Amino acid sequence: MRTYEFISIFNTKEDNYAVGLKAVKELLQKNGAEISSDEDMGDRLLAYPVKKEERGHYHLFVLNAAPESLIKIDEDLKLTPSVLKSLFVKKEN
């Protein structure tokens, strides 16, 4: 298991943030990731439009996961409609 920082950007329209956050947490747990901490970073202006959206709601997770599980998680995140973008970064201890 390695430690990763994972940031996801959600669509800000309607209740997409709450629905997307719940889906992401379930997806992480289903694939064996252990969430150490999570932080709501709020609604921000995007540097460039993503899926025709100008704003996004950012959420940062610190998690422990097996490297091979990240591939499956990333594939499933691309199919989640409320997630605009996501990024995993290995955290140095």
N, C-alpha and C. Protein backbone atom coordinates (compact mmCIF):
# COMPACT_ATOMS: atom_id res chain seq x y z
N MET A 1 0.84 -1.18 0.00
CA MET A 1 0.00 0.00 0.00
C MET A 1 0.89 1.25 0.00
N ARG A 2 0.52 2.18 -0.83
CA ARG A 2 1.23 3.45 -0.91
C ARG A 2 0.28 4.58 -0.56
N THR A 3 0.85 5.71 -0.20
CA THR A 3 0.06 6.88 0.14
C THR A 3 -0.03 7.78 -1.09
N TYR A 4 -1.26 8.22 -1.39
CA TYR A 4 -1.52 9.07 -2.54
C TYR A 4 -2.36 10.27 -2.12
N GLU A 5 -2.15 11.37 -2.82
CA GLU A 5 -3.08 12.50 -2.75
C GLU A 5 -3.94 12.39 -3.99
N PHE A 6 -5.22 12.53 -3.81
CA PHE A 6 -6.17 12.39 -4.91
C PHE A 6 -7.08 13.60 -4.90
N ILE A 7 -7.10 14.32 -6.00
CA ILE A 7 -7.98 15.48 -6.09
C ILE A 7 -9.01 15.21 -7.18
N SER A 8 -10.23 15.57 -6.90
CA SER A 8 -11.29 15.43 -7.89
C SER A 8 -12.04 16.75 -8.00
N ILE A 9 -12.46 17.05 -9.22
CA ILE A 9 -13.20 18.27 -9.49
C ILE A 9 -14.59 17.85 -9.94
N PHE A 10 -15.59 18.36 -9.25
CA PHE A 10 -16.98 18.00 -9.51
C PHE A 10 -17.71 19.13 -10.21
N ASN A 11 -18.75 18.76 -10.94
CA ASN A 11 -19.65 19.71 -11.56
C ASN A 11 -20.37 20.47 -10.44
N THR A 12 -20.53 21.78 -10.60
CA THR A 12 -21.13 22.61 -9.55
C THR A 12 -22.64 22.76 -9.69
N LYS A 13 -23.21 22.31 -10.78
CA LYS A 13 -24.65 22.49 -10.99
C LYS A 13 -25.47 21.56 -10.12
N GLU A 14 -26.57 22.10 -9.60
CA GLU A 14 -27.54 21.37 -8.78
C GLU A 14 -26.86 20.68 -7.60
N ASP A 15 -27.14 19.40 -7.38
CA ASP A 15 -26.52 18.68 -6.26
C ASP A 15 -25.48 17.68 -6.75
N ASN A 16 -24.83 17.99 -7.87
CA ASN A 16 -23.83 17.08 -8.44
C ASN A 16 -22.64 16.85 -7.52
N TYR A 17 -22.29 17.86 -6.72
CA TYR A 17 -21.15 17.69 -5.81
C TYR A 17 -21.44 16.61 -4.78
N ALA A 18 -22.59 16.68 -4.13
CA ALA A 18 -22.93 15.70 -3.09
C ALA A 18 -23.06 14.30 -3.67
N VAL A 19 -23.71 14.18 -4.81
CA VAL A 19 -23.88 12.88 -5.46
C VAL A 19 -22.52 12.33 -5.91
N GLY A 20 -21.72 13.19 -6.51
CA GLY A 20 -20.39 12.77 -6.98
C GLY A 20 -19.46 12.38 -5.86
N LEU A 21 -19.48 13.14 -4.76
CA LEU A 21 -18.62 12.84 -3.62
C LEU A 21 -18.98 11.49 -3.02
N LYS A 22 -20.25 11.22 -2.89
CA LYS A 22 -20.70 9.92 -2.37
C LYS A 22 -20.25 8.79 -3.30
N ALA A 23 -20.39 8.98 -4.60
CA ALA A 23 -19.99 7.97 -5.57
C ALA A 23 -18.48 7.72 -5.54
N VAL A 24 -17.69 8.78 -5.40
CA VAL A 24 -16.24 8.64 -5.37
C VAL A 24 -15.80 7.91 -4.10
N LYS A 25 -16.37 8.26 -2.95
CA LYS A 25 -16.02 7.57 -1.70
C LYS A 25 -16.36 6.09 -1.78
N GLU A 26 -17.52 5.75 -2.32
CA GLU A 26 -17.91 4.34 -2.47
C GLU A 26 -16.97 3.62 -3.42
N LEU A 27 -16.59 4.29 -4.50
CA LEU A 27 -15.68 3.69 -5.49
C LEU A 27 -14.31 3.42 -4.87
N LEU A 28 -13.80 4.36 -4.10
CA LEU A 28 -12.50 4.17 -3.45
C LEU A 28 -12.54 3.01 -2.47
N GLN A 29 -13.58 2.95 -1.66
CA GLN A 29 -13.70 1.88 -0.67
C GLN A 29 -13.91 0.52 -1.33
N LYS A 30 -14.68 0.49 -2.42
CA LYS A 30 -14.94 -0.75 -3.14
C LYS A 30 -13.64 -1.36 -3.70
N ASN A 31 -12.70 -0.49 -4.08
CA ASN A 31 -11.44 -0.94 -4.65
C ASN A 31 -10.31 -1.05 -3.63
N GLY A 32 -10.64 -1.03 -2.35
CA GLY A 32 -9.66 -1.29 -1.31
C GLY A 32 -8.83 -0.11 -0.85
N ALA A 33 -9.18 1.09 -1.25
CA ALA A 33 -8.43 2.27 -0.80
C ALA A 33 -8.92 2.68 0.58
N GLU A 34 -7.97 3.07 1.44
CA GLU A 34 -8.30 3.53 2.78
C GLU A 34 -8.12 5.04 2.82
N ILE A 35 -9.19 5.78 3.04
CA ILE A 35 -9.14 7.24 3.06
C ILE A 35 -8.62 7.69 4.42
N SER A 36 -7.45 8.37 4.42
CA SER A 36 -6.86 8.90 5.66
C SER A 36 -7.51 10.23 6.03
N SER A 37 -7.69 11.08 5.04
CA SER A 37 -8.33 12.37 5.29
C SER A 37 -8.96 12.87 4.00
N ASP A 38 -9.94 13.73 4.15
CA ASP A 38 -10.51 14.38 2.98
C ASP A 38 -10.87 15.81 3.34
N GLU A 39 -10.71 16.70 2.36
CA GLU A 39 -10.90 18.12 2.59
C GLU A 39 -11.67 18.74 1.44
N ASP A 40 -12.73 19.45 1.78
CA ASP A 40 -13.51 20.20 0.80
C ASP A 40 -12.76 21.49 0.52
N MET A 41 -12.34 21.69 -0.73
CA MET A 41 -11.58 22.88 -1.10
C MET A 41 -12.45 23.96 -1.73
N GLY A 42 -13.72 23.68 -1.91
CA GLY A 42 -14.65 24.70 -2.36
C GLY A 42 -14.79 24.84 -3.86
N ASP A 43 -15.62 25.79 -4.21
CA ASP A 43 -15.95 26.09 -5.61
C ASP A 43 -14.92 27.08 -6.15
N ARG A 44 -14.34 26.77 -7.32
CA ARG A 44 -13.30 27.63 -7.90
C ARG A 44 -13.49 27.77 -9.40
N LEU A 45 -12.92 28.82 -9.93
CA LEU A 45 -12.90 29.04 -11.36
C LEU A 45 -11.84 28.13 -11.97
N LEU A 46 -12.18 27.41 -13.04
CA LEU A 46 -11.23 26.52 -13.70
C LEU A 46 -10.30 27.33 -14.61
N ALA A 47 -9.10 26.85 -14.83
CA ALA A 47 -8.14 27.54 -15.68
C ALA A 47 -8.59 27.54 -17.14
N TYR A 48 -9.31 26.50 -17.52
CA TYR A 48 -9.86 26.38 -18.87
C TYR A 48 -11.14 25.56 -18.77
N PRO A 49 -12.06 25.73 -19.71
CA PRO A 49 -13.32 24.97 -19.64
C PRO A 49 -13.09 23.46 -19.73
N VAL A 50 -13.79 22.73 -18.88
CA VAL A 50 -13.74 21.28 -18.88
C VAL A 50 -15.18 20.79 -19.05
N LYS A 51 -15.43 20.04 -20.11
CA LYS A 51 -16.78 19.55 -20.42
C LYS A 51 -17.78 20.71 -20.41
N LYS A 52 -17.35 21.83 -21.00
CA LYS A 52 -18.14 23.06 -21.14
C LYS A 52 -18.48 23.74 -19.82
N GLU A 53 -17.76 23.42 -18.76
CA GLU A 53 -17.98 24.02 -17.45
C GLU A 53 -16.85 25.01 -17.15
N GLU A 54 -17.20 26.16 -16.60
CA GLU A 54 -16.23 27.20 -16.25
C GLU A 54 -15.80 27.12 -14.78
N ARG A 55 -16.62 26.51 -13.92
CA ARG A 55 -16.35 26.40 -12.49
C ARG A 55 -16.39 24.94 -12.08
N GLY A 56 -15.67 24.63 -11.00
CA GLY A 56 -15.66 23.28 -10.47
C GLY A 56 -15.54 23.29 -8.95
N HIS A 57 -16.02 22.23 -8.33
CA HIS A 57 -15.93 22.08 -6.88
C HIS A 57 -14.82 21.08 -6.59
N TYR A 58 -13.77 21.53 -5.91
CA TYR A 58 -12.58 20.71 -5.65
C TYR A 58 -12.70 19.97 -4.33
N HIS A 59 -12.20 18.73 -4.32
CA HIS A 59 -12.15 17.93 -3.10
C HIS A 59 -10.85 17.14 -3.09
N LEU A 60 -10.11 17.23 -1.98
CA LEU A 60 -8.81 16.58 -1.84
C LEU A 60 -8.91 15.41 -0.87
N PHE A 61 -8.38 14.27 -1.28
CA PHE A 61 -8.32 13.07 -0.43
C PHE A 61 -6.86 12.69 -0.23
N VAL A 62 -6.54 12.18 0.94
CA VAL A 62 -5.26 11.50 1.18
C VAL A 62 -5.65 10.07 1.47
N LEU A 63 -5.07 9.13 0.70
CA LEU A 63 -5.50 7.74 0.84
C LEU A 63 -4.34 6.78 0.70
N ASN A 64 -4.55 5.58 1.20
CA ASN A 64 -3.61 4.48 1.05
C ASN A 64 -4.27 3.47 0.12
N ALA A 65 -3.52 3.08 -0.92
CA ALA A 65 -4.07 2.14 -1.89
C ALA A 65 -2.94 1.37 -2.56
N ALA A 66 -3.30 0.21 -3.09
CA ALA A 66 -2.35 -0.57 -3.87
C ALA A 66 -2.23 0.08 -5.25
N PRO A 67 -1.02 0.17 -5.80
CA PRO A 67 -0.83 0.84 -7.10
C PRO A 67 -1.70 0.26 -8.22
N GLU A 68 -1.91 -1.06 -8.22
CA GLU A 68 -2.69 -1.67 -9.29
C GLU A 68 -4.18 -1.32 -9.20
N SER A 69 -4.66 -0.95 -8.02
CA SER A 69 -6.07 -0.59 -7.89
C SER A 69 -6.37 0.79 -8.48
N LEU A 70 -5.35 1.63 -8.64
CA LEU A 70 -5.57 2.97 -9.18
C LEU A 70 -6.04 2.94 -10.63
N ILE A 71 -5.63 1.94 -11.38
CA ILE A 71 -6.05 1.83 -12.78
C ILE A 71 -7.55 1.62 -12.85
N LYS A 72 -8.08 0.72 -12.06
CA LYS A 72 -9.51 0.44 -12.04
C LYS A 72 -10.29 1.65 -11.53
N ILE A 73 -9.79 2.29 -10.49
CA ILE A 73 -10.45 3.48 -9.95
C ILE A 73 -10.51 4.57 -11.00
N ASP A 74 -9.39 4.81 -11.69
CA ASP A 74 -9.34 5.86 -12.70
C ASP A 74 -10.31 5.58 -13.85
N GLU A 75 -10.40 4.32 -14.28
CA GLU A 75 -11.33 3.95 -15.35
C GLU A 75 -12.78 4.21 -14.92
N ASP A 76 -13.11 3.84 -13.69
CA ASP A 76 -14.47 4.05 -13.19
C ASP A 76 -14.79 5.52 -12.99
N LEU A 77 -13.80 6.32 -12.61
CA LEU A 77 -14.02 7.75 -12.43
C LEU A 77 -14.38 8.43 -13.75
N LYS A 78 -13.80 7.96 -14.83
CA LYS A 78 -14.10 8.53 -16.14
C LYS A 78 -15.54 8.29 -16.55
N LEU A 79 -16.18 7.29 -15.96
CA LEU A 79 -17.58 6.99 -16.26
C LEU A 79 -18.56 7.67 -15.30
N THR A 80 -18.04 8.37 -14.31
CA THR A 80 -18.88 9.07 -13.34
C THR A 80 -19.20 10.46 -13.90
N PRO A 81 -20.46 10.75 -14.23
CA PRO A 81 -20.79 12.00 -14.92
C PRO A 81 -20.56 13.27 -14.11
N SER A 82 -20.63 13.23 -12.80
CA SER A 82 -20.46 14.44 -12.00
C SER A 82 -19.00 14.81 -11.75
N VAL A 83 -18.06 13.90 -12.09
CA VAL A 83 -16.63 14.18 -11.93
C VAL A 83 -16.10 14.77 -13.23
N LEU A 84 -15.61 16.01 -13.16
CA LEU A 84 -15.05 16.66 -14.34
C LEU A 84 -13.63 16.20 -14.60
N LYS A 85 -12.80 16.19 -13.56
CA LYS A 85 -11.39 15.78 -13.66
C LYS A 85 -10.97 15.14 -12.35
N SER A 86 -9.92 14.32 -12.44
CA SER A 86 -9.34 13.73 -11.23
C SER A 86 -7.86 13.46 -11.47
N LEU A 87 -7.10 13.41 -10.37
CA LEU A 87 -5.66 13.22 -10.47
C LEU A 87 -5.15 12.53 -9.22
N PHE A 88 -4.35 11.48 -9.41
CA PHE A 88 -3.65 10.80 -8.32
C PHE A 88 -2.18 11.22 -8.35
N VAL A 89 -1.63 11.53 -7.18
CA VAL A 89 -0.21 11.87 -7.06
C VAL A 89 0.35 11.08 -5.89
N LYS A 90 1.46 10.37 -6.14
CA LYS A 90 2.10 9.62 -5.07
C LYS A 90 2.71 10.60 -4.08
N LYS A 91 2.40 10.40 -2.80
CA LYS A 91 2.88 11.28 -1.75
C LYS A 91 4.15 10.70 -1.16
N GLU A 92 5.18 11.52 -1.13
CA GLU A 92 6.45 11.09 -0.55
C GLU A 92 6.35 11.18 0.96
N ASN A 93 6.82 10.16 1.65
CA ASN A 93 6.74 10.15 3.12
C ASN A 93 7.88 10.88 3.76
